[in-house]
Amino acid sequence: MLRGRYIGPTTDVVNTVKDARTRSIVYTDLEIGFSIDDDAARFSLGINNLFDKAPPASYANAPINYDIYTYDARGRFLYASFSVKM
């Protein structure tokens, strides 16, 4: 599965003088998996933030310069999951 996560542009109300506009960004995630025993179990491997995009700068969020609650701050990461239906 290929997934795109879009976060649109914003305007910082806190600081409307210095570059108050935060640009939009698209994160791309990729996951591949397979089911075992008629969907009784599933194994998946995935990569979030495939292209390792950094969050856009925002002067309203000093001193770290981006909104940690909105953007993917950790960069690219891999994961594995295994689930079982009982």
PDB file of N, CA and C in Angstrom:
ATOM      1  N   MET A   1       0.845  -1.159   0.000  1.00  0.00           N
ATOM      2  CA  MET A   1       0.000   0.000   0.000  1.00  0.00           C
ATOM      3  C   MET A   1       0.902   1.237   0.000  1.00  0.00           C
ATOM      4  N   LEU A   2       0.608   2.146  -0.867  1.00  0.00           N
ATOM      5  CA  LEU A   2       1.305   3.426  -0.930  1.00  0.00           C
ATOM      6  C   LEU A   2       0.340   4.498  -0.447  1.00  0.00           C
ATOM      7  N   ARG A   3       0.777   5.335   0.496  1.00  0.00           N
ATOM      8  CA  ARG A   3      -0.113   6.333   1.088  1.00  0.00           C
ATOM      9  C   ARG A   3       0.585   7.687   1.079  1.00  0.00           C
ATOM     10  N   GLY A   4      -0.164   8.723   0.759  1.00  0.00           N
ATOM     11  CA  GLY A   4       0.346  10.084   0.831  1.00  0.00           C
ATOM     12  C   GLY A   4      -0.386  10.846   1.923  1.00  0.00           C
ATOM     13  N   ARG A   5       0.352  11.566   2.746  1.00  0.00           N
ATOM     14  CA  ARG A   5      -0.248  12.392   3.809  1.00  0.00           C
ATOM     15  C   ARG A   5       0.049  13.852   3.480  1.00  0.00           C
ATOM     16  N   TYR A   6      -0.995  14.616   3.200  1.00  0.00           N
ATOM     17  CA  TYR A   6      -0.856  16.023   2.820  1.00  0.00           C
ATOM     18  C   TYR A   6      -1.221  16.919   3.999  1.00  0.00           C
ATOM     19  N   ILE A   7      -0.352  17.888   4.289  1.00  0.00           N
ATOM     20  CA  ILE A   7      -0.631  18.913   5.295  1.00  0.00           C
ATOM     21  C   ILE A   7      -0.511  20.245   4.572  1.00  0.00           C
ATOM     22  N   GLY A   8      -1.605  20.978   4.509  1.00  0.00           N
ATOM     23  CA  GLY A   8      -1.663  22.219   3.742  1.00  0.00           C
ATOM     24  C   GLY A   8      -0.898  23.367   4.371  1.00  0.00           C
ATOM     25  N   PRO A   9      -0.756  24.461   3.603  1.00  0.00           N
ATOM     26  CA  PRO A   9      -0.042  25.636   4.110  1.00  0.00           C
ATOM     27  C   PRO A   9      -0.838  26.338   5.201  1.00  0.00           C
ATOM     28  N   THR A  10      -0.135  27.046   6.068  1.00  0.00           N
ATOM     29  CA  THR A  10      -0.784  27.799   7.145  1.00  0.00           C
ATOM     30  C   THR A  10      -0.148  29.178   7.262  1.00  0.00           C
ATOM     31  N   THR A  11      -0.813  30.044   7.986  1.00  0.00           N
ATOM     32  CA  THR A  11      -0.263  31.360   8.310  1.00  0.00           C
ATOM     33  C   THR A  11      -0.187  31.471   9.825  1.00  0.00           C
ATOM     34  N   ASP A  12       0.999  31.803  10.328  1.00  0.00           N
ATOM     35  CA  ASP A  12       1.188  31.939  11.774  1.00  0.00           C
ATOM     36  C   ASP A  12       0.538  33.223  12.252  1.00  0.00           C
ATOM     37  N   VAL A  13      -0.410  33.103  13.168  1.00  0.00           N
ATOM     38  CA  VAL A  13      -1.067  34.296  13.704  1.00  0.00           C
ATOM     39  C   VAL A  13      -0.200  34.967  14.758  1.00  0.00           C
ATOM     40  N   VAL A  14       0.668  34.192  15.377  1.00  0.00           N
ATOM     41  CA  VAL A  14       1.534  34.721  16.431  1.00  0.00           C
ATOM     42  C   VAL A  14       2.554  35.697  15.859  1.00  0.00           C
ATOM     43  N   ASN A  15       3.069  35.411  14.673  1.00  0.00           N
ATOM     44  CA  ASN A  15       4.123  36.233  14.096  1.00  0.00           C
ATOM     45  C   ASN A  15       3.782  36.542  12.639  1.00  0.00           C
ATOM     46  N   THR A  16       2.990  37.551  12.418  1.00  0.00           N
ATOM     47  CA  THR A  16       2.568  37.882  11.057  1.00  0.00           C
ATOM     48  C   THR A  16       3.549  38.802  10.348  1.00  0.00           C
ATOM     49  N   VAL A  17       4.616  39.216  11.007  1.00  0.00           N
ATOM     50  CA  VAL A  17       5.577  40.138  10.409  1.00  0.00           C
ATOM     51  C   VAL A  17       6.660  39.400   9.622  1.00  0.00           C
ATOM     52  N   LYS A  18       7.313  38.438  10.243  1.00  0.00           N
ATOM     53  CA  LYS A  18       8.446  37.760   9.609  1.00  0.00           C
ATOM     54  C   LYS A  18       8.035  36.403   9.028  1.00  0.00           C
ATOM     55  N   ASP A  19       7.919  36.333   7.717  1.00  0.00           N
ATOM     56  CA  ASP A  19       7.643  35.086   7.003  1.00  0.00           C
ATOM     57  C   ASP A  19       6.603  34.216   7.724  1.00  0.00           C
ATOM     58  N   ALA A  20       5.395  34.721   7.839  1.00  0.00           N
ATOM     59  CA  ALA A  20       4.349  34.067   8.610  1.00  0.00           C
ATOM     60  C   ALA A  20       3.768  32.837   7.919  1.00  0.00           C
ATOM     61  N   ARG A  21       4.122  32.579   6.704  1.00  0.00           N
ATOM     62  CA  ARG A  21       3.557  31.474   5.936  1.00  0.00           C
ATOM     63  C   ARG A  21       4.385  30.199   6.131  1.00  0.00           C
ATOM     64  N   THR A  22       3.706  29.098   6.453  1.00  0.00           N
ATOM     65  CA  THR A  22       4.338  27.786   6.540  1.00  0.00           C
ATOM     66  C   THR A  22       3.896  26.997   5.317  1.00  0.00           C
ATOM     67  N   ARG A  23       4.838  26.464   4.567  1.00  0.00           N
ATOM     68  CA  ARG A  23       4.511  25.787   3.310  1.00  0.00           C
ATOM     69  C   ARG A  23       3.824  24.440   3.544  1.00  0.00           C
ATOM     70  N   SER A  24       3.159  23.947   2.511  1.00  0.00           N
ATOM     71  CA  SER A  24       2.518  22.636   2.589  1.00  0.00           C
ATOM     72  C   SER A  24       3.576  21.542   2.420  1.00  0.00           C
ATOM     73  N   ILE A  25       3.204  20.320   2.783  1.00  0.00           N
ATOM     74  CA  ILE A  25       4.133  19.198   2.675  1.00  0.00           C
ATOM     75  C   ILE A  25       3.334  17.922   2.423  1.00  0.00           C
ATOM     76  N   VAL A  26       3.945  16.994   1.698  1.00  0.00           N
ATOM     77  CA  VAL A  26       3.353  15.677   1.473  1.00  0.00           C
ATOM     78  C   VAL A  26       4.354  14.635   1.955  1.00  0.00           C
ATOM     79  N   TYR A  27       3.914  13.785   2.862  1.00  0.00           N
ATOM     80  CA  TYR A  27       4.729  12.660   3.319  1.00  0.00           C
ATOM     81  C   TYR A  27       4.257  11.410   2.580  1.00  0.00           C
ATOM     82  N   THR A  28       5.183  10.563   2.175  1.00  0.00           N
ATOM     83  CA  THR A  28       4.855   9.333   1.460  1.00  0.00           C
ATOM     84  C   THR A  28       5.210   8.141   2.338  1.00  0.00           C
ATOM     85  N   ASP A  29       4.254   7.237   2.519  1.00  0.00           N
ATOM     86  CA  ASP A  29       4.449   6.034   3.325  1.00  0.00           C
ATOM     87  C   ASP A  29       4.246   4.806   2.436  1.00  0.00           C
ATOM     88  N   LEU A  30       4.960   3.740   2.737  1.00  0.00           N
ATOM     89  CA  LEU A  30       4.866   2.507   1.962  1.00  0.00           C
ATOM     90  C   LEU A  30       4.757   1.334   2.924  1.00  0.00           C
ATOM     91  N   GLU A  31       3.812   0.430   2.656  1.00  0.00           N
ATOM     92  CA  GLU A  31       3.652  -0.770   3.489  1.00  0.00           C
ATOM     93  C   GLU A  31       3.359  -1.965   2.601  1.00  0.00           C
ATOM     94  N   ILE A  32       3.975  -3.081   2.930  1.00  0.00           N
ATOM     95  CA  ILE A  32       3.725  -4.328   2.217  1.00  0.00           C
ATOM     96  C   ILE A  32       3.503  -5.413   3.270  1.00  0.00           C
ATOM     97  N   GLY A  33       2.585  -6.326   2.987  1.00  0.00           N
ATOM     98  CA  GLY A  33       2.297  -7.375   3.970  1.00  0.00           C
ATOM     99  C   GLY A  33       1.606  -8.547   3.329  1.00  0.00           C
ATOM    100  N   PHE A  34       1.429  -9.573   4.119  1.00  0.00           N
ATOM    101  CA  PHE A  34       0.709 -10.744   3.634  1.00  0.00           C
ATOM    102  C   PHE A  34      -0.058 -11.382   4.784  1.00  0.00           C
ATOM    103  N   SER A  35      -1.118 -12.087   4.410  1.00  0.00           N
ATOM    104  CA  SER A  35      -1.968 -12.769   5.387  1.00  0.00           C
ATOM    105  C   SER A  35      -1.659 -14.256   5.400  1.00  0.00           C
ATOM    106  N   ILE A  36      -1.893 -14.878   6.553  1.00  0.00           N
ATOM    107  CA  ILE A  36      -1.654 -16.303   6.747  1.00  0.00           C
ATOM    108  C   ILE A  36      -2.955 -16.948   7.228  1.00  0.00           C
ATOM    109  N   ASP A  37      -3.244 -18.131   6.768  1.00  0.00           N
ATOM    110  CA  ASP A  37      -4.418 -18.905   7.210  1.00  0.00           C
ATOM    111  C   ASP A  37      -5.715 -18.119   7.088  1.00  0.00           C
ATOM    112  N   ASP A  38      -6.065 -17.729   5.871  1.00  0.00           N
ATOM    113  CA  ASP A  38      -7.325 -17.023   5.602  1.00  0.00           C
ATOM    114  C   ASP A  38      -7.533 -15.812   6.517  1.00  0.00           C
ATOM    115  N   ASP A  39      -6.546 -14.958   6.578  1.00  0.00           N
ATOM    116  CA  ASP A  39      -6.580 -13.717   7.365  1.00  0.00           C
ATOM    117  C   ASP A  39      -6.598 -13.927   8.878  1.00  0.00           C
ATOM    118  N   ALA A  40      -6.213 -15.096   9.354  1.00  0.00           N
ATOM    119  CA  ALA A  40      -6.127 -15.317  10.799  1.00  0.00           C
ATOM    120  C   ALA A  40      -4.926 -14.588  11.386  1.00  0.00           C
ATOM    121  N   ALA A  41      -3.907 -14.366  10.555  1.00  0.00           N
ATOM    122  CA  ALA A  41      -2.708 -13.656  10.999  1.00  0.00           C
ATOM    123  C   ALA A  41      -2.211 -12.794   9.838  1.00  0.00           C
ATOM    124  N   ARG A  42      -1.531 -11.704  10.174  1.00  0.00           N
ATOM    125  CA  ARG A  42      -0.997 -10.807   9.144  1.00  0.00           C
ATOM    126  C   ARG A  42       0.365 -10.279   9.589  1.00  0.00           C
ATOM    127  N   PHE A  43       1.282 -10.259   8.628  1.00  0.00           N
ATOM    128  CA  PHE A  43       2.624  -9.723   8.856  1.00  0.00           C
ATOM    129  C   PHE A  43       2.843  -8.579   7.869  1.00  0.00           C
ATOM    130  N   SER A  44       3.358  -7.445   8.358  1.00  0.00           N
ATOM    131  CA  SER A  44       3.584  -6.273   7.507  1.00  0.00           C
ATOM    132  C   SER A  44       4.938  -5.640   7.804  1.00  0.00           C
ATOM    133  N   LEU A  45       5.531  -5.052   6.764  1.00  0.00           N
ATOM    134  CA  LEU A  45       6.729  -4.229   6.875  1.00  0.00           C
ATOM    135  C   LEU A  45       6.411  -2.892   6.233  1.00  0.00           C
ATOM    136  N   GLY A  46       6.892  -1.819   6.830  1.00  0.00           N
ATOM    137  CA  GLY A  46       6.577  -0.515   6.267  1.00  0.00           C
ATOM    138  C   GLY A  46       7.661   0.514   6.494  1.00  0.00           C
ATOM    139  N   ILE A  47       7.553   1.594   5.722  1.00  0.00           N
ATOM    140  CA  ILE A  47       8.436   2.753   5.851  1.00  0.00           C
ATOM    141  C   ILE A  47       7.541   3.983   5.857  1.00  0.00           C
ATOM    142  N   ASN A  48       7.617   4.765   6.911  1.00  0.00           N
ATOM    143  CA  ASN A  48       6.909   6.048   6.954  1.00  0.00           C
ATOM    144  C   ASN A  48       7.900   7.152   6.635  1.00  0.00           C
ATOM    145  N   ASN A  49       7.411   8.200   5.964  1.00  0.00           N
ATOM    146  CA  ASN A  49       8.246   9.317   5.500  1.00  0.00           C
ATOM    147  C   ASN A  49       9.367   8.772   4.613  1.00  0.00           C
ATOM    148  N   LEU A  50       8.962   8.070   3.579  1.00  0.00           N
ATOM    149  CA  LEU A  50       9.870   7.368   2.670  1.00  0.00           C
ATOM    150  C   LEU A  50      10.995   8.250   2.139  1.00  0.00           C
ATOM    151  N   PHE A  51      10.704   9.499   1.812  1.00  0.00           N
ATOM    152  CA  PHE A  51      11.709  10.389   1.236  1.00  0.00           C
ATOM    153  C   PHE A  51      12.403  11.266   2.278  1.00  0.00           C
ATOM    154  N   ASP A  52      12.189  10.960   3.562  1.00  0.00           N
ATOM    155  CA  ASP A  52      12.871  11.617   4.684  1.00  0.00           C
ATOM    156  C   ASP A  52      12.730  13.140   4.650  1.00  0.00           C
ATOM    157  N   LYS A  53      11.495  13.618   4.462  1.00  0.00           N
ATOM    158  CA  LYS A  53      11.249  15.061   4.399  1.00  0.00           C
ATOM    159  C   LYS A  53      11.234  15.675   5.792  1.00  0.00           C
ATOM    160  N   ALA A  54      11.929  16.788   5.940  1.00  0.00           N
ATOM    161  CA  ALA A  54      11.952  17.526   7.207  1.00  0.00           C
ATOM    162  C   ALA A  54      10.717  18.406   7.296  1.00  0.00           C
ATOM    163  N   PRO A  55      10.229  18.677   8.510  1.00  0.00           N
ATOM    164  CA  PRO A  55       9.065  19.553   8.651  1.00  0.00           C
ATOM    165  C   PRO A  55       9.387  20.974   8.175  1.00  0.00           C
ATOM    166  N   PRO A  56       8.390  21.681   7.640  1.00  0.00           N
ATOM    167  CA  PRO A  56       8.631  23.059   7.205  1.00  0.00           C
ATOM    168  C   PRO A  56       8.859  23.985   8.400  1.00  0.00           C
ATOM    169  N   ALA A  57       9.709  24.977   8.205  1.00  0.00           N
ATOM    170  CA  ALA A  57      10.023  25.929   9.276  1.00  0.00           C
ATOM    171  C   ALA A  57       8.819  26.793   9.614  1.00  0.00           C
ATOM    172  N   SER A  58       8.673  27.077  10.909  1.00  0.00           N
ATOM    173  CA  SER A  58       7.590  27.923  11.399  1.00  0.00           C
ATOM    174  C   SER A  58       8.155  28.798  12.520  1.00  0.00           C
ATOM    175  N   TYR A  59       8.174  30.098  12.302  1.00  0.00           N
ATOM    176  CA  TYR A  59       8.740  31.022  13.293  1.00  0.00           C
ATOM    177  C   TYR A  59       7.889  31.101  14.563  1.00  0.00           C
ATOM    178  N   ALA A  60       6.640  30.689  14.499  1.00  0.00           N
ATOM    179  CA  ALA A  60       5.774  30.739  15.678  1.00  0.00           C
ATOM    180  C   ALA A  60       6.119  29.649  16.689  1.00  0.00           C
ATOM    181  N   ASN A  61       6.894  28.662  16.282  1.00  0.00           N
ATOM    182  CA  ASN A  61       7.217  27.536  17.156  1.00  0.00           C
ATOM    183  C   ASN A  61       8.676  27.551  17.610  1.00  0.00           C
ATOM    184  N   ALA A  62       9.180  28.723  17.955  1.00  0.00           N
ATOM    185  CA  ALA A  62      10.567  28.845  18.428  1.00  0.00           C
ATOM    186  C   ALA A  62      10.689  28.159  19.789  1.00  0.00           C
ATOM    187  N   PRO A  63      11.781  27.579  20.153  1.00  0.00           N
ATOM    188  CA  PRO A  63      13.068  27.551  19.479  1.00  0.00           C
ATOM    189  C   PRO A  63      13.252  26.362  18.541  1.00  0.00           C
ATOM    190  N   ILE A  64      12.285  25.436  18.423  1.00  0.00           N
ATOM    191  CA  ILE A  64      12.496  24.255  17.575  1.00  0.00           C
ATOM    192  C   ILE A  64      12.097  24.490  16.118  1.00  0.00           C
ATOM    193  N   ASN A  65      11.342  25.541  15.836  1.00  0.00           N
ATOM    194  CA  ASN A  65      10.998  25.996  14.484  1.00  0.00           C
ATOM    195  C   ASN A  65      10.076  25.098  13.667  1.00  0.00           C
ATOM    196  N   TYR A  66       9.355  24.196  14.293  1.00  0.00           N
ATOM    197  CA  TYR A  66       8.295  23.444  13.609  1.00  0.00           C
ATOM    198  C   TYR A  66       7.300  22.958  14.652  1.00  0.00           C
ATOM    199  N   ASP A  67       6.099  22.627  14.196  1.00  0.00           N
ATOM    200  CA  ASP A  67       5.034  22.179  15.082  1.00  0.00           C
ATOM    201  C   ASP A  67       5.153  20.666  15.286  1.00  0.00           C
ATOM    202  N   ILE A  68       5.576  20.242  16.459  1.00  0.00           N
ATOM    203  CA  ILE A  68       5.809  18.822  16.731  1.00  0.00           C
ATOM    204  C   ILE A  68       4.525  17.996  16.756  1.00  0.00           C
ATOM    205  N   TYR A  69       3.382  18.646  16.898  1.00  0.00           N
ATOM    206  CA  TYR A  69       2.107  17.933  16.953  1.00  0.00           C
ATOM    207  C   TYR A  69       1.492  17.728  15.571  1.00  0.00           C
ATOM    208  N   THR A  70       1.995  18.428  14.569  1.00  0.00           N
ATOM    209  CA  THR A  70       1.423  18.349  13.228  1.00  0.00           C
ATOM    210  C   THR A  70       2.325  17.613  12.247  1.00  0.00           C
ATOM    211  N   TYR A  71       3.626  17.819  12.324  1.00  0.00           N
ATOM    212  CA  TYR A  71       4.548  17.316  11.311  1.00  0.00           C
ATOM    213  C   TYR A  71       5.351  16.117  11.793  1.00  0.00           C
ATOM    214  N   ASP A  72       5.882  15.368  10.833  1.00  0.00           N
ATOM    215  CA  ASP A  72       6.669  14.176  11.098  1.00  0.00           C
ATOM    216  C   ASP A  72       8.104  14.587  11.426  1.00  0.00           C
ATOM    217  N   ALA A  73       8.403  14.748  12.696  1.00  0.00           N
ATOM    218  CA  ALA A  73       9.698  15.275  13.127  1.00  0.00           C
ATOM    219  C   ALA A  73      10.787  14.210  13.173  1.00  0.00           C
ATOM    220  N   ARG A  74      10.438  12.944  13.242  1.00  0.00           N
ATOM    221  CA  ARG A  74      11.464  11.907  13.410  1.00  0.00           C
ATOM    222  C   ARG A  74      12.098  11.470  12.095  1.00  0.00           C
ATOM    223  N   GLY A  75      11.585  11.939  10.958  1.00  0.00           N
ATOM    224  CA  GLY A  75      12.172  11.555   9.679  1.00  0.00           C
ATOM    225  C   GLY A  75      11.722  10.169   9.252  1.00  0.00           C
ATOM    226  N   ARG A  76      12.483   9.570   8.366  1.00  0.00           N
ATOM    227  CA  ARG A  76      12.143   8.242   7.852  1.00  0.00           C
ATOM    228  C   ARG A  76      12.297   7.200   8.954  1.00  0.00           C
ATOM    229  N   PHE A  77      11.324   6.276   9.023  1.00  0.00           N
ATOM    230  CA  PHE A  77      11.495   5.163   9.960  1.00  0.00           C
ATOM    231  C   PHE A  77      10.827   3.905   9.431  1.00  0.00           C
ATOM    232  N   LEU A  78      11.381   2.784   9.808  1.00  0.00           N
ATOM    233  CA  LEU A  78      10.905   1.477   9.393  1.00  0.00           C
ATOM    234  C   LEU A  78      10.140   0.827  10.533  1.00  0.00           C
ATOM    235  N   TYR A  79       9.191  -0.023  10.188  1.00  0.00           N
ATOM    236  CA  TYR A  79       8.473  -0.753  11.222  1.00  0.00           C
ATOM    237  C   TYR A  79       8.048  -2.122  10.696  1.00  0.00           C
ATOM    238  N   ALA A  80       7.753  -3.012  11.605  1.00  0.00           N
ATOM    239  CA  ALA A  80       7.219  -4.337  11.301  1.00  0.00           C
ATOM    240  C   ALA A  80       6.043  -4.567  12.247  1.00  0.00           C
ATOM    241  N   SER A  81       5.029  -5.259  11.756  1.00  0.00           N
ATOM    242  CA  SER A  81       3.895  -5.572  12.626  1.00  0.00           C
ATOM    243  C   SER A  81       3.405  -7.002  12.342  1.00  0.00           C
ATOM    244  N   PHE A  82       2.884  -7.595  13.382  1.00  0.00           N
ATOM    245  CA  PHE A  82       2.299  -8.931  13.284  1.00  0.00           C
ATOM    246  C   PHE A  82       1.021  -8.915  14.087  1.00  0.00           C
ATOM    247  N   SER A  83      -0.088  -9.309  13.472  1.00  0.00           N
ATOM    248  CA  SER A  83      -1.366  -9.320  14.187  1.00  0.00           C
ATOM    249  C   SER A  83      -2.043 -10.664  14.004  1.00  0.00           C
ATOM    250  N   VAL A  84      -2.792 -11.061  15.031  1.00  0.00           N
ATOM    251  CA  VAL A  84      -3.490 -12.335  15.038  1.00  0.00           C
ATOM    252  C   VAL A  84      -4.943 -12.088  15.439  1.00  0.00           C
ATOM    253  N   LYS A  85      -5.881 -12.676  14.685  1.00  0.00           N
ATOM    254  CA  LYS A  85      -7.304 -12.595  15.048  1.00  0.00           C
ATOM    255  C   LYS A  85      -7.622 -13.832  15.891  1.00  0.00           C
ATOM    256  N   MET A  86      -8.323 -13.591  16.983  1.00  0.00           N
ATOM    257  CA  MET A  86      -8.674 -14.704  17.858  1.00  0.00           C
ATOM    258  C   MET A  86     -10.142 -14.956  17.803  1.00  0.00           C
TER     259      MET A  86
END
